[in-house]
Amino acid sequence: MGRTERSPKPVGAPETELPIAGLGGRSYAFLIDWHIRAIAGLAWYAVSTLALDRDFIPADTDSGFWWAAVAPAVAIYVLYHAGFEILTGGTPGKRRAGVRIVDRNGNTPGVPALVVRNVLRPIDSFFFYAVGLASVLLTRQAVRIGDLAAGTLLIYADKATPGERRSS
């Protein structure tokens, strides 16, 4: 079960209860998103190799094959989280898991915060996500390194306080 956190409030404003998503909600969303981005990247690569009449694992590659098949597949995999979060407010996995990203006041974070949390995703993924896992388990608000730097939280969307802006 997640934690509930009181967000900082401006003078005179009511306190907001934020239902912090813990390791379970985060992991469920991540696993869904990992499968989607892996399948999407592999699908691009597979279709590209067919379209270019190449072997799935070619013996030799040229720059045209690399730019048409490999680079887009890697971009799909690497930019998946940032792209969905910036364009739609959350990934398909987050929506399915019932979690969403907010700033420390419970509002939808801006593009700079979303970029920061995703630029730092590789640090969280060190040692098969052991760094991110440790950060989630050791921080009071169950956040990973990218969230700490961006000032964002992952909360359960269906338990959010009425009146909060929803990002999904």
Protein backbone atom coordinates (compact mmCIF):
# COMPACT_ATOMS: atom_id res chain seq x y z
CA MET A 1 0.00 0.00 0.00
CA GLY A 2 1.24 3.47 -0.77
CA ARG A 3 1.84 6.29 1.64
CA THR A 4 -0.12 9.46 2.08
CA GLU A 5 1.87 12.65 2.06
CA ARG A 6 0.84 16.17 2.92
CA SER A 7 2.04 18.51 0.25
CA PRO A 8 3.54 21.91 1.08
CA LYS A 9 0.88 24.57 0.95
CA PRO A 10 0.82 28.28 0.30
CA VAL A 11 -0.28 30.40 3.26
CA GLY A 12 -4.06 30.15 3.65
CA ALA A 13 -4.48 27.26 1.22
CA PRO A 14 -5.98 23.95 2.35
CA GLU A 15 -3.59 21.03 2.77
CA THR A 16 -3.70 18.42 0.03
CA GLU A 17 -3.41 14.71 0.78
CA LEU A 18 -1.38 12.98 -1.92
CA PRO A 19 -1.73 9.17 -2.04
CA ILE A 20 1.89 8.28 -2.81
CA ALA A 21 2.32 5.28 -5.12
CA GLY A 22 4.74 2.83 -3.61
CA LEU A 23 6.91 0.16 -5.11
CA GLY A 24 3.96 -1.99 -6.23
CA GLY A 25 2.24 0.69 -8.32
CA ARG A 26 5.53 1.87 -9.78
CA SER A 27 6.64 -1.66 -10.65
CA TYR A 28 3.34 -2.60 -12.25
CA ALA A 29 3.38 0.52 -14.45
CA PHE A 30 7.05 -0.02 -15.32
CA LEU A 31 6.54 -3.64 -16.36
CA ILE A 32 3.64 -2.73 -18.64
CA ASP A 33 5.63 0.13 -20.18
CA TRP A 34 8.75 -2.00 -20.55
CA HIS A 35 6.82 -4.58 -22.56
CA ILE A 36 5.16 -1.95 -24.75
CA ARG A 37 8.39 -0.15 -25.58
CA ALA A 38 10.33 -3.38 -26.16
CA ILE A 39 7.64 -4.72 -28.49
CA ALA A 40 7.33 -1.37 -30.31
CA GLY A 41 11.10 -1.07 -30.81
CA LEU A 42 11.43 -4.67 -31.97
CA ALA A 43 8.42 -4.32 -34.26
CA TRP A 44 9.97 -1.26 -35.93
CA TYR A 45 13.25 -3.11 -36.37
CA ALA A 46 11.55 -6.26 -37.73
CA VAL A 47 9.39 -4.38 -40.22
CA SER A 48 12.41 -2.31 -41.31
CA THR A 49 14.51 -5.41 -41.95
CA LEU A 50 11.69 -6.88 -44.04
CA ALA A 51 11.18 -3.63 -45.96
CA LEU A 52 14.90 -3.32 -46.62
CA ASP A 53 15.13 -7.04 -47.54
CA ARG A 54 17.78 -7.65 -44.88
CA ASP A 55 18.37 -10.52 -42.45
CA PHE A 56 17.05 -9.88 -38.94
CA ILE A 57 20.65 -9.98 -37.73
CA PRO A 58 22.60 -8.87 -40.81
CA ALA A 59 26.21 -9.93 -41.28
CA ASP A 60 27.12 -6.45 -42.43
CA THR A 61 25.36 -3.13 -41.99
CA ASP A 62 25.59 0.12 -43.79
CA SER A 63 24.64 3.56 -42.54
CA GLY A 64 21.32 3.46 -44.42
CA PHE A 65 20.26 0.32 -42.57
CA TRP A 66 21.41 1.77 -39.28
CA TRP A 67 19.42 4.99 -39.77
CA ALA A 68 16.32 3.23 -41.11
CA ALA A 69 16.10 0.27 -38.72
CA VAL A 70 18.37 0.50 -35.70
CA ALA A 71 18.28 4.19 -34.73
CA PRO A 72 14.46 4.51 -34.78
CA ALA A 73 14.07 1.27 -32.78
CA VAL A 74 16.50 2.53 -30.14
CA ALA A 75 14.79 5.95 -30.11
CA ILE A 76 11.39 4.32 -29.54
CA TYR A 77 12.80 2.40 -26.58
CA VAL A 78 14.75 5.29 -25.05
CA LEU A 79 12.28 8.14 -25.62
CA TYR A 80 9.10 6.19 -24.78
CA HIS A 81 8.63 7.48 -21.22
CA ALA A 82 9.54 11.10 -21.90
CA GLY A 83 7.47 11.23 -25.09
CA PHE A 84 4.29 9.87 -23.52
CA GLU A 85 4.68 11.90 -20.33
CA ILE A 86 5.23 15.17 -22.18
CA LEU A 87 2.58 14.62 -24.85
CA THR A 88 -0.17 12.90 -22.84
CA GLY A 89 0.73 13.40 -19.17
CA GLY A 90 1.54 9.73 -18.56
CA THR A 91 2.44 6.45 -20.15
CA PRO A 92 -0.01 3.66 -20.98
CA GLY A 93 1.49 1.64 -18.12
CA LYS A 94 0.90 4.44 -15.63
CA ARG A 95 -2.70 4.80 -16.77
CA ARG A 96 -3.28 1.03 -16.49
CA ALA A 97 -1.66 0.96 -13.04
CA GLY A 98 -3.80 3.90 -11.92
CA VAL A 99 -0.86 6.17 -11.13
CA ARG A 100 0.10 9.59 -12.35
CA ILE A 101 2.91 12.10 -12.05
CA VAL A 102 2.37 15.30 -10.07
CA ASP A 103 4.56 18.02 -8.65
CA ARG A 104 4.94 18.34 -4.88
CA ASN A 105 1.75 20.44 -4.71
CA GLY A 106 -0.34 17.84 -6.53
CA ASN A 107 -0.46 19.71 -9.85
CA THR A 108 0.49 18.45 -13.29
CA PRO A 109 4.25 18.99 -13.70
CA GLY A 110 5.60 21.14 -16.50
CA VAL A 111 7.70 19.96 -19.41
CA PRO A 112 11.03 20.90 -17.74
CA ALA A 113 10.26 18.68 -14.73
CA LEU A 114 9.23 15.81 -17.00
CA VAL A 115 12.44 16.18 -19.01
CA VAL A 116 14.58 16.20 -15.85
CA ARG A 117 12.94 13.07 -14.39
CA ASN A 118 13.50 11.23 -17.68
CA VAL A 119 17.04 12.47 -18.36
CA LEU A 120 17.99 10.94 -15.00
CA ARG A 121 16.23 7.64 -15.73
CA PRO A 122 19.54 5.97 -16.77
CA ILE A 123 20.94 6.63 -13.27
CA ASP A 124 17.89 4.94 -11.74
CA SER A 125 18.37 1.98 -14.08
CA PHE A 126 21.94 1.17 -12.96
CA PHE A 127 22.32 -2.46 -11.88
CA PHE A 128 18.93 -3.54 -13.25
CA TYR A 129 17.11 -0.63 -11.58
CA ALA A 130 18.71 -1.33 -8.19
CA VAL A 131 19.51 2.39 -7.76
CA GLY A 132 15.90 3.41 -8.47
CA LEU A 133 14.59 0.60 -6.28
CA ALA A 134 16.82 1.64 -3.38
CA SER A 135 15.75 5.26 -3.78
CA VAL A 136 12.06 4.32 -3.74
CA LEU A 137 12.53 2.15 -0.65
CA LEU A 138 14.69 4.66 1.24
CA THR A 139 12.89 7.94 0.57
CA ARG A 140 9.89 9.03 2.58
CA GLN A 141 7.89 9.85 -0.54
CA ALA A 142 8.93 6.67 -2.43
CA VAL A 143 10.62 8.56 -5.26
CA ARG A 144 13.43 7.64 -7.60
CA ILE A 145 16.45 9.87 -8.34
CA GLY A 146 14.74 11.48 -11.35
CA ASP A 147 11.73 12.43 -9.22
CA LEU A 148 13.94 13.88 -6.49
CA ALA A 149 15.69 16.13 -9.00
CA ALA A 150 12.48 17.10 -10.82
CA GLY A 151 10.37 17.69 -7.70
CA THR A 152 7.78 15.16 -8.85
CA LEU A 153 5.83 12.37 -7.16
CA LEU A 154 3.96 9.35 -8.42
CA ILE A 155 0.50 9.13 -6.85
CA TYR A 156 -2.51 6.87 -7.16
CA ALA A 157 -4.85 8.72 -9.53
CA ASP A 158 -8.12 7.22 -8.28
CA LYS A 159 -7.42 8.29 -4.69
CA ALA A 160 -6.45 11.87 -5.51
CA THR A 161 -8.06 14.70 -3.63
CA PRO A 162 -11.06 16.19 -5.49
CA GLY A 163 -10.21 19.39 -7.29
CA GLU A 164 -6.71 18.29 -8.31
CA ARG A 165 -5.83 18.62 -11.94
CA ARG A 166 -5.61 15.23 -13.59
CA SER A 167 -2.97 14.51 -16.20
CA SER A 168 -4.49 11.46 -17.88
